[in-house]
Amino acid sequence: MDDAVMDLEVVGLRREADGVLSVELRDHRDRLLPAWEPGAHVDLAVGEHVRQYSLCGDPAQRRRYRVAVLREPASRGGSAHVHERLRPGDEVEVGGPRNHFPLPAAPRYVLVAGGIGITPVLTMAVALAARGADWHLAYLGRSRAGMAFLDELARLDPSRVTVHADDTDGAPDLGRLLEEVDGDTALAVCGPAGLIGAVEAHAAAHALPAPQVERFTAVARDEADETPFDVVVASTGRRIAVPAGRSALEALDAAGHALPNACRDGVCGSCLVGVLAGEPQHRDALTAPDRTDVLAPCVSRARSAELVLDL
């Protein structure tokens, strides 16, 4: 967790669907919380872990944050702590908010959510509806009982929302759901890796712009494919070696250049640093492959012999 954290109080827990619990947080002195926009997430210290959860409340409500947590069967401790131990009155360290999944400006929007991926997408849909935008939301899930926030979606324009549950509707036809997407449509997707991959493949096959994506898990990477490189601190010219088997974040920290960090898995974006020269090798879940101006040093590396960092 980075240094910019707030100690917030749990003031509400609500079962939103089978295995999904929403958590409402506030400052214990009821002070205003940092502003945020749809797509933003926060870091929560849950037990011995730090986990990232999308904000899914009302951005105009500055005295409350709301997140939703899926109980993962193979939980490493984060979701289990929330579901089994977190109670109203508990205090939680919260970092952020940060937004790596913002809504771009576009004539029209198609939003795709899979499972717990509805958390940021719901807030996007509410914001688009409020501004009178042209939008459609496709919400996919394995079972209707496990799909959160259906009551809130029902209050939106039903002609703009498609809810598809495998247990009642069969396998979804992604091509049909995306058939109206064209080059003027902003396509955003959040959910399981398989769904994100399928939407990305559809966009590529139809020569559409790449979709905005939000991933909840780290991108698979080959740890054996790690070439040593150097990072250069631009402000001092200091050169720091990053050997194979060690991250740039760890090398910088050992050299006295500690960066904020939460997940250390390329998901949260808290450690992102600017790149002034060199060619990054992105292995995080946030950065477009062709970007050369930023690096997630917790997991990403370099294609060039050195990277000059804006430090």
C-alpha atoms as a PDB file:
ATOM      1  CA  MET A   1       0.000   0.000   0.000  1.00  0.00           C
ATOM      2  CA  ASP A   2       1.362   3.449  -0.797  1.00  0.00           C
ATOM      3  CA  ASP A   3       1.651   6.317   1.699  1.00  0.00           C
ATOM      4  CA  ALA A   4      -1.509   8.117   0.491  1.00  0.00           C
ATOM      5  CA  VAL A   5      -3.999   6.018   2.428  1.00  0.00           C
ATOM      6  CA  MET A   6      -7.164   6.817   4.314  1.00  0.00           C
ATOM      7  CA  ASP A   7      -8.533   5.006   7.336  1.00  0.00           C
ATOM      8  CA  LEU A   8     -12.190   4.506   6.467  1.00  0.00           C
ATOM      9  CA  GLU A   9     -14.977   2.927   8.481  1.00  0.00           C
ATOM     10  CA  VAL A  10     -17.203   0.141   7.216  1.00  0.00           C
ATOM     11  CA  VAL A  11     -20.735   1.510   7.541  1.00  0.00           C
ATOM     12  CA  GLY A  12     -22.648  -0.992   5.453  1.00  0.00           C
ATOM     13  CA  LEU A  13     -22.515  -4.537   4.097  1.00  0.00           C
ATOM     14  CA  ARG A  14     -25.117  -5.825   1.661  1.00  0.00           C
ATOM     15  CA  ARG A  15     -25.564  -9.101  -0.195  1.00  0.00           C
ATOM     16  CA  GLU A  16     -25.951  -8.093  -3.847  1.00  0.00           C
ATOM     17  CA  ALA A  17     -26.077 -11.620  -5.330  1.00  0.00           C
ATOM     18  CA  ASP A  18     -24.889 -15.136  -4.552  1.00  0.00           C
ATOM     19  CA  GLY A  19     -21.271 -14.691  -3.490  1.00  0.00           C
ATOM     20  CA  VAL A  20     -21.222 -10.899  -3.974  1.00  0.00           C
ATOM     21  CA  LEU A  21     -21.050  -8.529  -1.031  1.00  0.00           C
ATOM     22  CA  SER A  22     -21.030  -4.741  -1.326  1.00  0.00           C
ATOM     23  CA  VAL A  23     -19.086  -2.717   1.218  1.00  0.00           C
ATOM     24  CA  GLU A  24     -19.860   0.916   2.018  1.00  0.00           C
ATOM     25  CA  LEU A  25     -17.087   3.033   3.518  1.00  0.00           C
ATOM     26  CA  ARG A  26     -16.868   6.522   4.979  1.00  0.00           C
ATOM     27  CA  ASP A  27     -14.432   8.732   6.855  1.00  0.00           C
ATOM     28  CA  HIS A  28     -15.042   8.275  10.576  1.00  0.00           C
ATOM     29  CA  ARG A  29     -15.384  12.074  10.908  1.00  0.00           C
ATOM     30  CA  ASP A  30     -17.670  12.183   7.847  1.00  0.00           C
ATOM     31  CA  ARG A  31     -15.247  14.313   5.837  1.00  0.00           C
ATOM     32  CA  LEU A  32     -15.421  14.508   2.043  1.00  0.00           C
ATOM     33  CA  LEU A  33     -13.589  11.703   0.248  1.00  0.00           C
ATOM     34  CA  PRO A  34     -11.377  12.261  -2.822  1.00  0.00           C
ATOM     35  CA  ALA A  35     -13.345  12.795  -6.023  1.00  0.00           C
ATOM     36  CA  TRP A  36     -13.504  10.034  -8.621  1.00  0.00           C
ATOM     37  CA  GLU A  37     -15.026   9.248 -12.013  1.00  0.00           C
ATOM     38  CA  PRO A  38     -16.563   6.063 -13.469  1.00  0.00           C
ATOM     39  CA  GLY A  39     -13.932   3.368 -13.983  1.00  0.00           C
ATOM     40  CA  ALA A  40     -11.884   4.277 -10.904  1.00  0.00           C
ATOM     41  CA  HIS A  41     -10.757   1.780  -8.293  1.00  0.00           C
ATOM     42  CA  VAL A  42      -9.345   1.864  -4.775  1.00  0.00           C
ATOM     43  CA  ASP A  43      -6.863  -0.325  -2.918  1.00  0.00           C
ATOM     44  CA  LEU A  44      -8.225  -1.999   0.210  1.00  0.00           C
ATOM     45  CA  ALA A  45      -6.083  -3.525   2.929  1.00  0.00           C
ATOM     46  CA  VAL A  46      -8.036  -6.674   3.745  1.00  0.00           C
ATOM     47  CA  GLY A  47      -6.367  -8.789   6.387  1.00  0.00           C
ATOM     48  CA  GLU A  48      -2.759  -9.281   5.333  1.00  0.00           C
ATOM     49  CA  HIS A  49      -3.493  -8.447   1.700  1.00  0.00           C
ATOM     50  CA  VAL A  50      -4.026  -5.382  -0.476  1.00  0.00           C
ATOM     51  CA  ARG A  51      -6.651  -5.828  -3.160  1.00  0.00           C
ATOM     52  CA  GLN A  52      -8.059  -3.558  -5.876  1.00  0.00           C
ATOM     53  CA  TYR A  53     -11.815  -3.022  -6.130  1.00  0.00           C
ATOM     54  CA  SER A  54     -13.730  -0.835  -8.578  1.00  0.00           C
ATOM     55  CA  LEU A  55     -15.861   1.922  -7.110  1.00  0.00           C
ATOM     56  CA  CYS A  56     -19.512   1.320  -7.933  1.00  0.00           C
ATOM     57  CA  GLY A  57     -21.388   3.998  -6.081  1.00  0.00           C
ATOM     58  CA  ASP A  58     -22.370   7.523  -7.063  1.00  0.00           C
ATOM     59  CA  PRO A  59     -19.361   9.774  -7.838  1.00  0.00           C
ATOM     60  CA  ALA A  60     -21.420  12.759  -6.682  1.00  0.00           C
ATOM     61  CA  GLN A  61     -21.702  11.195  -3.213  1.00  0.00           C
ATOM     62  CA  ARG A  62     -18.409  12.415  -1.737  1.00  0.00           C
ATOM     63  CA  ARG A  63     -18.982  11.048   1.772  1.00  0.00           C
ATOM     64  CA  ARG A  64     -19.282   7.382   0.814  1.00  0.00           C
ATOM     65  CA  TYR A  65     -17.370   4.857  -1.254  1.00  0.00           C
ATOM     66  CA  ARG A  66     -18.967   1.595  -2.332  1.00  0.00           C
ATOM     67  CA  VAL A  67     -17.201  -1.479  -3.689  1.00  0.00           C
ATOM     68  CA  ALA A  68     -18.439  -4.990  -4.428  1.00  0.00           C
ATOM     69  CA  VAL A  69     -16.429  -8.101  -3.620  1.00  0.00           C
ATOM     70  CA  LEU A  70     -16.905 -11.519  -5.195  1.00  0.00           C
ATOM     71  CA  ARG A  71     -16.225 -14.453  -2.869  1.00  0.00           C
ATOM     72  CA  GLU A  72     -13.565 -16.334  -4.795  1.00  0.00           C
ATOM     73  CA  PRO A  73     -13.604 -20.119  -4.204  1.00  0.00           C
ATOM     74  CA  ALA A  74      -9.803 -20.178  -4.474  1.00  0.00           C
ATOM     75  CA  SER A  75      -9.334 -16.969  -2.477  1.00  0.00           C
ATOM     76  CA  ARG A  76      -5.794 -16.192  -1.373  1.00  0.00           C
ATOM     77  CA  GLY A  77      -7.253 -14.377   1.613  1.00  0.00           C
ATOM     78  CA  GLY A  78      -8.638 -11.086   0.324  1.00  0.00           C
ATOM     79  CA  SER A  79     -12.228 -11.909  -0.595  1.00  0.00           C
ATOM     80  CA  ALA A  80     -12.464 -14.470   2.207  1.00  0.00           C
ATOM     81  CA  HIS A  81     -11.544 -11.761   4.722  1.00  0.00           C
ATOM     82  CA  VAL A  82     -14.224  -9.415   3.381  1.00  0.00           C
ATOM     83  CA  HIS A  83     -16.968 -12.036   3.381  1.00  0.00           C
ATOM     84  CA  GLU A  84     -16.084 -13.816   6.610  1.00  0.00           C
ATOM     85  CA  ARG A  85     -14.511 -11.224   8.892  1.00  0.00           C
ATOM     86  CA  LEU A  86     -15.284  -7.663   7.817  1.00  0.00           C
ATOM     87  CA  ARG A  87     -18.090  -6.111   9.847  1.00  0.00           C
ATOM     88  CA  PRO A  88     -19.709  -2.672  10.246  1.00  0.00           C
ATOM     89  CA  GLY A  89     -17.577  -0.485  12.477  1.00  0.00           C
ATOM     90  CA  ASP A  90     -14.301  -2.019  11.278  1.00  0.00           C
ATOM     91  CA  GLU A  91     -11.604   0.336  10.013  1.00  0.00           C
ATOM     92  CA  VAL A  92      -9.988  -0.317   6.641  1.00  0.00           C
ATOM     93  CA  GLU A  93      -6.951   1.295   5.014  1.00  0.00           C
ATOM     94  CA  VAL A  94      -7.947   2.577   1.584  1.00  0.00           C
ATOM     95  CA  GLY A  95      -5.592   3.903  -1.092  1.00  0.00           C
ATOM     96  CA  GLY A  96      -6.530   5.841  -4.223  1.00  0.00           C
ATOM     97  CA  PRO A  97      -8.771   6.332  -6.047  1.00  0.00           C
ATOM     98  CA  ARG A  98      -7.004   5.794  -9.380  1.00  0.00           C
ATOM     99  CA  ASN A  99      -8.568   5.456 -12.801  1.00  0.00           C
ATOM    100  CA  HIS A 100      -7.022   3.335 -15.570  1.00  0.00           C
ATOM    101  CA  PHE A 101     -10.421   2.559 -17.112  1.00  0.00           C
ATOM    102  CA  PRO A 102     -11.863   5.973 -17.987  1.00  0.00           C
ATOM    103  CA  LEU A 103     -14.697   6.555 -20.410  1.00  0.00           C
ATOM    104  CA  PRO A 104     -13.343   8.135 -23.608  1.00  0.00           C
ATOM    105  CA  ALA A 105     -15.218  10.793 -25.556  1.00  0.00           C
ATOM    106  CA  ALA A 106     -17.240   9.150 -28.340  1.00  0.00           C
ATOM    107  CA  PRO A 107     -20.509   9.515 -30.283  1.00  0.00           C
ATOM    108  CA  ARG A 108     -21.779   6.223 -28.871  1.00  0.00           C
ATOM    109  CA  TYR A 109     -20.817   3.542 -26.377  1.00  0.00           C
ATOM    110  CA  VAL A 110     -21.126  -0.218 -25.984  1.00  0.00           C
ATOM    111  CA  LEU A 111     -20.302  -1.533 -22.519  1.00  0.00           C
ATOM    112  CA  VAL A 112     -19.714  -5.228 -21.846  1.00  0.00           C
ATOM    113  CA  ALA A 113     -19.588  -6.645 -18.326  1.00  0.00           C
ATOM    114  CA  GLY A 114     -18.984 -10.228 -17.271  1.00  0.00           C
ATOM    115  CA  GLY A 115     -19.780 -11.304 -13.723  1.00  0.00           C
ATOM    116  CA  ILE A 116     -18.257  -9.018 -11.102  1.00  0.00           C
ATOM    117  CA  GLY A 117     -17.048  -6.845 -13.997  1.00  0.00           C
ATOM    118  CA  ILE A 118     -20.383  -5.060 -13.656  1.00  0.00           C
ATOM    119  CA  THR A 119     -18.933  -2.972 -10.810  1.00  0.00           C
ATOM    120  CA  PRO A 120     -17.209  -0.251 -12.894  1.00  0.00           C
ATOM    121  CA  VAL A 121     -19.492  -0.720 -15.902  1.00  0.00           C
ATOM    122  CA  LEU A 122     -22.681  -0.037 -13.939  1.00  0.00           C
ATOM    123  CA  THR A 123     -21.355   3.354 -12.881  1.00  0.00           C
ATOM    124  CA  MET A 124     -20.403   4.107 -16.486  1.00  0.00           C
ATOM    125  CA  ALA A 125     -23.923   3.274 -17.655  1.00  0.00           C
ATOM    126  CA  VAL A 126     -25.517   5.488 -15.010  1.00  0.00           C
ATOM    127  CA  ALA A 127     -23.231   8.380 -15.981  1.00  0.00           C
ATOM    128  CA  LEU A 128     -23.951   7.946 -19.695  1.00  0.00           C
ATOM    129  CA  ALA A 129     -27.689   7.812 -19.063  1.00  0.00           C
ATOM    130  CA  ALA A 130     -27.512  10.988 -16.986  1.00  0.00           C
ATOM    131  CA  ARG A 131     -25.780  12.902 -19.767  1.00  0.00           C
ATOM    132  CA  GLY A 132     -28.177  11.655 -22.448  1.00  0.00           C
ATOM    133  CA  ALA A 133     -25.515   9.721 -24.363  1.00  0.00           C
ATOM    134  CA  ASP A 134     -26.094   6.957 -26.909  1.00  0.00           C
ATOM    135  CA  TRP A 135     -25.136   3.762 -25.097  1.00  0.00           C
ATOM    136  CA  HIS A 136     -25.877   0.066 -24.648  1.00  0.00           C
ATOM    137  CA  LEU A 137     -24.814  -2.318 -21.896  1.00  0.00           C
ATOM    138  CA  ALA A 138     -24.488  -6.102 -22.245  1.00  0.00           C
ATOM    139  CA  TYR A 139     -24.213  -7.845 -18.861  1.00  0.00           C
ATOM    140  CA  LEU A 140     -23.251 -11.522 -19.013  1.00  0.00           C
ATOM    141  CA  GLY A 141     -23.199 -14.045 -16.197  1.00  0.00           C
ATOM    142  CA  ARG A 142     -23.251 -17.768 -15.572  1.00  0.00           C
ATOM    143  CA  SER A 143     -26.400 -17.607 -13.446  1.00  0.00           C
ATOM    144  CA  ARG A 144     -28.898 -14.863 -12.750  1.00  0.00           C
ATOM    145  CA  ALA A 145     -28.658 -15.555  -9.025  1.00  0.00           C
ATOM    146  CA  GLY A 146     -24.971 -14.626  -9.110  1.00  0.00           C
ATOM    147  CA  MET A 147     -25.414 -11.370 -11.070  1.00  0.00           C
ATOM    148  CA  ALA A 148     -25.135  -8.300  -8.841  1.00  0.00           C
ATOM    149  CA  PHE A 149     -26.979  -4.979  -9.146  1.00  0.00           C
ATOM    150  CA  LEU A 150     -29.817  -6.258 -11.351  1.00  0.00           C
ATOM    151  CA  ASP A 151     -32.191  -4.069  -9.340  1.00  0.00           C
ATOM    152  CA  GLU A 152     -30.156  -0.967 -10.149  1.00  0.00           C
ATOM    153  CA  LEU A 153     -29.909  -1.894 -13.822  1.00  0.00           C
ATOM    154  CA  ALA A 154     -33.694  -2.294 -13.915  1.00  0.00           C
ATOM    155  CA  ARG A 155     -34.030   1.413 -13.131  1.00  0.00           C
ATOM    156  CA  LEU A 156     -32.177   2.308 -16.333  1.00  0.00           C
ATOM    157  CA  ASP A 157     -33.677   2.346 -19.834  1.00  0.00           C
ATOM    158  CA  PRO A 158     -34.488  -1.352 -20.507  1.00  0.00           C
ATOM    159  CA  SER A 159     -34.028  -0.831 -24.253  1.00  0.00           C
ATOM    160  CA  ARG A 160     -30.356  -0.056 -23.597  1.00  0.00           C
ATOM    161  CA  VAL A 161     -29.572  -2.979 -21.280  1.00  0.00           C
ATOM    162  CA  THR A 162     -29.170  -6.648 -22.239  1.00  0.00           C
ATOM    163  CA  VAL A 163     -28.888  -9.107 -19.355  1.00  0.00           C
ATOM    164  CA  HIS A 164     -27.802 -12.601 -20.388  1.00  0.00           C
ATOM    165  CA  ALA A 165     -27.516 -15.465 -17.892  1.00  0.00           C
ATOM    166  CA  ASP A 166     -26.170 -18.782 -19.171  1.00  0.00           C
ATOM    167  CA  ASP A 167     -28.458 -20.833 -16.935  1.00  0.00           C
ATOM    168  CA  THR A 168     -31.611 -19.331 -18.443  1.00  0.00           C
ATOM    169  CA  ASP A 169     -30.497 -18.015 -21.848  1.00  0.00           C
ATOM    170  CA  GLY A 170     -27.821 -20.474 -22.989  1.00  0.00           C
ATOM    171  CA  ALA A 171     -24.425 -19.509 -24.344  1.00  0.00           C
ATOM    172  CA  PRO A 172     -24.194 -15.837 -25.376  1.00  0.00           C
ATOM    173  CA  ASP A 173     -23.763 -14.825 -29.017  1.00  0.00           C
ATOM    174  CA  LEU A 174     -21.035 -12.211 -28.676  1.00  0.00           C
ATOM    175  CA  GLY A 175     -21.128 -11.374 -32.373  1.00  0.00           C
ATOM    176  CA  ARG A 176     -24.810 -10.466 -32.135  1.00  0.00           C
ATOM    177  CA  LEU A 177     -24.261  -8.406 -28.993  1.00  0.00           C
ATOM    178  CA  LEU A 178     -21.515  -6.434 -30.726  1.00  0.00           C
ATOM    179  CA  GLU A 179     -23.009  -6.260 -34.210  1.00  0.00           C
ATOM    180  CA  GLU A 180     -23.780  -2.530 -33.961  1.00  0.00           C
ATOM    181  CA  VAL A 181     -20.255  -1.582 -32.876  1.00  0.00           C
ATOM    182  CA  ASP A 182     -18.500   0.503 -35.526  1.00  0.00           C
ATOM    183  CA  GLY A 183     -15.478   2.773 -35.738  1.00  0.00           C
ATOM    184  CA  ASP A 184     -17.332   5.599 -33.955  1.00  0.00           C
ATOM    185  CA  THR A 185     -18.273   3.413 -30.996  1.00  0.00           C
ATOM    186  CA  ALA A 186     -16.269   3.368 -27.773  1.00  0.00           C
ATOM    187  CA  LEU A 187     -16.198  -0.267 -26.660  1.00  0.00           C
ATOM    188  CA  ALA A 188     -15.423  -0.968 -23.000  1.00  0.00           C
ATOM    189  CA  VAL A 189     -15.251  -4.382 -21.345  1.00  0.00           C
ATOM    190  CA  CYS A 190     -14.602  -5.636 -17.824  1.00  0.00           C
ATOM    191  CA  GLY A 191     -14.807  -9.231 -16.671  1.00  0.00           C
ATOM    192  CA  PRO A 192     -13.055 -12.592 -16.914  1.00  0.00           C
ATOM    193  CA  ALA A 193      -9.972 -12.915 -19.108  1.00  0.00           C
ATOM    194  CA  GLY A 194     -11.834 -15.129 -21.584  1.00  0.00           C
ATOM    195  CA  LEU A 195     -14.523 -12.519 -22.170  1.00  0.00           C
ATOM    196  CA  ILE A 196     -12.002  -9.715 -22.541  1.00  0.00           C
ATOM    197  CA  GLY A 197     -10.014 -11.809 -25.015  1.00  0.00           C
ATOM    198  CA  ALA A 198     -13.136 -12.585 -27.044  1.00  0.00           C
ATOM    199  CA  VAL A 199     -14.128  -8.908 -27.252  1.00  0.00           C
ATOM    200  CA  GLU A 200     -10.582  -7.937 -28.231  1.00  0.00           C
ATOM    201  CA  ALA A 201     -10.568 -10.647 -30.913  1.00  0.00           C
ATOM    202  CA  HIS A 202     -13.921  -9.443 -32.264  1.00  0.00           C
ATOM    203  CA  ALA A 203     -12.639  -5.878 -32.493  1.00  0.00           C
ATOM    204  CA  ALA A 204      -9.465  -6.968 -34.268  1.00  0.00           C
ATOM    205  CA  ALA A 205     -11.360  -9.219 -36.709  1.00  0.00           C
ATOM    206  CA  HIS A 206     -13.700  -6.368 -37.680  1.00  0.00           C
ATOM    207  CA  ALA A 207     -10.982  -3.691 -37.894  1.00  0.00           C
ATOM    208  CA  LEU A 208     -12.460  -1.833 -34.927  1.00  0.00           C
ATOM    209  CA  PRO A 209     -10.522   0.274 -32.420  1.00  0.00           C
ATOM    210  CA  ALA A 210      -9.169  -1.752 -29.523  1.00  0.00           C
ATOM    211  CA  PRO A 211     -11.618  -1.788 -26.596  1.00  0.00           C
ATOM    212  CA  GLN A 212     -11.001  -0.136 -23.264  1.00  0.00           C
ATOM    213  CA  VAL A 213     -10.434  -3.001 -20.829  1.00  0.00           C
ATOM    214  CA  GLU A 214     -10.268  -3.470 -17.080  1.00  0.00           C
ATOM    215  CA  ARG A 215      -8.660  -6.684 -15.837  1.00  0.00           C
ATOM    216  CA  PHE A 216      -9.029  -7.978 -12.306  1.00  0.00           C
ATOM    217  CA  THR A 217      -6.124 -10.423 -12.578  1.00  0.00           C
ATOM    218  CA  ALA A 218      -2.531 -10.193 -13.713  1.00  0.00           C
ATOM    219  CA  VAL A 219      -1.553 -10.876 -17.309  1.00  0.00           C
ATOM    220  CA  ALA A 220       0.161 -14.255 -17.797  1.00  0.00           C
ATOM    221  CA  ARG A 221       3.877 -13.735 -18.342  1.00  0.00           C
ATOM    222  CA  ASP A 222       6.938 -15.892 -18.923  1.00  0.00           C
ATOM    223  CA  GLU A 223       9.159 -15.352 -15.894  1.00  0.00           C
ATOM    224  CA  ALA A 224      11.985 -17.196 -17.656  1.00  0.00           C
ATOM    225  CA  ASP A 225      12.114 -14.571 -20.426  1.00  0.00           C
ATOM    226  CA  GLU A 226      13.846 -11.872 -18.419  1.00  0.00           C
ATOM    227  CA  THR A 227      16.805 -10.041 -19.959  1.00  0.00           C
ATOM    228  CA  PRO A 228      18.813  -7.809 -17.592  1.00  0.00           C
ATOM    229  CA  PHE A 229      18.655  -4.067 -18.227  1.00  0.00           C
ATOM    230  CA  ASP A 230      19.475  -0.763 -16.529  1.00  0.00           C
ATOM    231  CA  VAL A 231      17.227   2.014 -15.318  1.00  0.00           C
ATOM    232  CA  VAL A 232      18.604   5.530 -15.243  1.00  0.00           C
ATOM    233  CA  VAL A 233      17.218   8.105 -12.801  1.00  0.00           C
ATOM    234  CA  ALA A 234      16.789  11.185 -14.973  1.00  0.00           C
ATOM    235  CA  SER A 235      17.159  13.736 -12.176  1.00  0.00           C
ATOM    236  CA  THR A 236      20.569  12.441 -11.042  1.00  0.00           C
ATOM    237  CA  GLY A 237      21.875  10.271 -13.884  1.00  0.00           C
ATOM    238  CA  ARG A 238      22.260   7.358 -11.490  1.00  0.00           C
ATOM    239  CA  ARG A 239      22.292   3.976 -13.217  1.00  0.00           C
ATOM    240  CA  ILE A 240      20.698   1.000 -11.464  1.00  0.00           C
ATOM    241  CA  ALA A 241      21.039  -2.558 -12.735  1.00  0.00           C
ATOM    242  CA  VAL A 242      17.923  -4.733 -12.952  1.00  0.00           C
ATOM    243  CA  PRO A 243      19.022  -8.373 -13.188  1.00  0.00           C
ATOM    244  CA  ALA A 244      16.927 -11.270 -14.397  1.00  0.00           C
ATOM    245  CA  GLY A 245      14.654 -12.526 -11.642  1.00  0.00           C
ATOM    246  CA  ARG A 246      14.330  -9.111 -10.011  1.00  0.00           C
ATOM    247  CA  SER A 247      11.817  -6.402 -10.799  1.00  0.00           C
ATOM    248  CA  ALA A 248      12.721  -2.802 -11.556  1.00  0.00           C
ATOM    249  CA  LEU A 249      10.549  -1.829  -8.573  1.00  0.00           C
ATOM    250  CA  GLU A 250      12.681  -3.989  -6.262  1.00  0.00           C
ATOM    251  CA  ALA A 251      15.928  -2.677  -7.751  1.00  0.00           C
ATOM    252  CA  LEU A 252      14.803   0.938  -7.368  1.00  0.00           C
ATOM    253  CA  ASP A 253      13.669   0.316  -3.799  1.00  0.00           C
ATOM    254  CA  ALA A 254      16.991  -1.248  -2.850  1.00  0.00           C
ATOM    255  CA  ALA A 255      18.764   1.782  -4.328  1.00  0.00           C
ATOM    256  CA  GLY A 256      16.733   4.207  -2.213  1.00  0.00           C
ATOM    257  CA  HIS A 257      14.133   5.161  -4.835  1.00  0.00           C
ATOM    258  CA  ALA A 258      11.000   3.707  -3.267  1.00  0.00           C
ATOM    259  CA  LEU A 259       7.837   4.068  -5.357  1.00  0.00           C
ATOM    260  CA  PRO A 260       4.231   3.779  -4.180  1.00  0.00           C
ATOM    261  CA  ASN A 261       2.977   0.255  -4.742  1.00  0.00           C
ATOM    262  CA  ALA A 262       0.002  -1.845  -3.756  1.00  0.00           C
ATOM    263  CA  CYS A 263      -0.514  -5.006  -5.787  1.00  0.00           C
ATOM    264  CA  ARG A 264       3.022  -5.591  -7.176  1.00  0.00           C
ATOM    265  CA  ASP A 265       1.301  -7.608  -9.892  1.00  0.00           C
ATOM    266  CA  GLY A 266       0.730  -5.081 -12.658  1.00  0.00           C
ATOM    267  CA  VAL A 267      -2.946  -4.551 -11.925  1.00  0.00           C
ATOM    268  CA  CYS A 268      -3.416  -1.468  -9.738  1.00  0.00           C
ATOM    269  CA  GLY A 269      -1.166   1.113 -11.420  1.00  0.00           C
ATOM    270  CA  SER A 270       0.078   2.667  -8.172  1.00  0.00           C
ATOM    271  CA  CYS A 271       3.753   2.327  -9.175  1.00  0.00           C
ATOM    272  CA  LEU A 272       3.490   3.692 -12.737  1.00  0.00           C
ATOM    273  CA  VAL A 273       6.427   5.925 -13.618  1.00  0.00           C
ATOM    274  CA  GLY A 274       7.188   8.015 -16.688  1.00  0.00           C
ATOM    275  CA  VAL A 275       9.733   6.836 -19.268  1.00  0.00           C
ATOM    276  CA  LEU A 276      11.836   9.509 -21.005  1.00  0.00           C
ATOM    277  CA  ALA A 277      13.975   7.237 -23.193  1.00  0.00           C
ATOM    278  CA  GLY A 278      14.219   3.558 -24.054  1.00  0.00           C
ATOM    279  CA  GLU A 279      11.667   0.922 -25.061  1.00  0.00           C
ATOM    280  CA  PRO A 280       9.577  -0.666 -22.305  1.00  0.00           C
ATOM    281  CA  GLN A 281       8.411  -4.281 -22.415  1.00  0.00           C
ATOM    282  CA  HIS A 282       4.947  -4.052 -20.907  1.00  0.00           C
ATOM    283  CA  ARG A 283       3.829  -7.052 -18.884  1.00  0.00           C
ATOM    284  CA  ASP A 284       1.159  -5.367 -16.792  1.00  0.00           C
ATOM    285  CA  ALA A 285      -2.621  -5.423 -17.202  1.00  0.00           C
ATOM    286  CA  LEU A 286      -2.959  -1.686 -17.815  1.00  0.00           C
ATOM    287  CA  THR A 287      -0.631  -0.415 -20.506  1.00  0.00           C
ATOM    288  CA  ALA A 288      -1.097  -0.615 -24.273  1.00  0.00           C
ATOM    289  CA  PRO A 289       1.768  -2.595 -25.869  1.00  0.00           C
ATOM    290  CA  ASP A 290       2.890   0.314 -28.050  1.00  0.00           C
ATOM    291  CA  ARG A 291       3.170   2.927 -25.291  1.00  0.00           C
ATOM    292  CA  THR A 292       6.721   4.102 -24.638  1.00  0.00           C
ATOM    293  CA  ASP A 293       6.108   6.869 -22.095  1.00  0.00           C
ATOM    294  CA  VAL A 294       5.229   4.871 -18.991  1.00  0.00           C
ATOM    295  CA  LEU A 295       6.311   1.742 -17.089  1.00  0.00           C
ATOM    296  CA  ALA A 296       4.828  -0.457 -14.370  1.00  0.00           C
ATOM    297  CA  PRO A 297       8.151  -1.372 -12.728  1.00  0.00           C
ATOM    298  CA  CYS A 298       6.608  -4.057 -10.533  1.00  0.00           C
ATOM    299  CA  VAL A 299       6.331  -6.463 -13.492  1.00  0.00           C
ATOM    300  CA  SER A 300       7.324  -4.752 -16.753  1.00  0.00           C
ATOM    301  CA  ARG A 301      10.833  -4.741 -18.139  1.00  0.00           C
ATOM    302  CA  ALA A 302      12.781  -3.291 -21.096  1.00  0.00           C
ATOM    303  CA  ARG A 303      13.374  -4.265 -24.705  1.00  0.00           C
ATOM    304  CA  SER A 304      16.252  -1.777 -24.835  1.00  0.00           C
ATOM    305  CA  ALA A 305      19.436  -1.957 -22.801  1.00  0.00           C
ATOM    306  CA  GLU A 306      18.260   0.889 -20.580  1.00  0.00           C
ATOM    307  CA  LEU A 307      15.238   2.925 -19.619  1.00  0.00           C
ATOM    308  CA  VAL A 308      15.524   6.551 -18.504  1.00  0.00           C
ATOM    309  CA  LEU A 309      12.851   7.102 -15.856  1.00  0.00           C
ATOM    310  CA  ASP A 310      11.250  10.378 -14.886  1.00  0.00           C
ATOM    311  CA  LEU A 311      12.485  10.260 -11.303  1.00  0.00           C
END
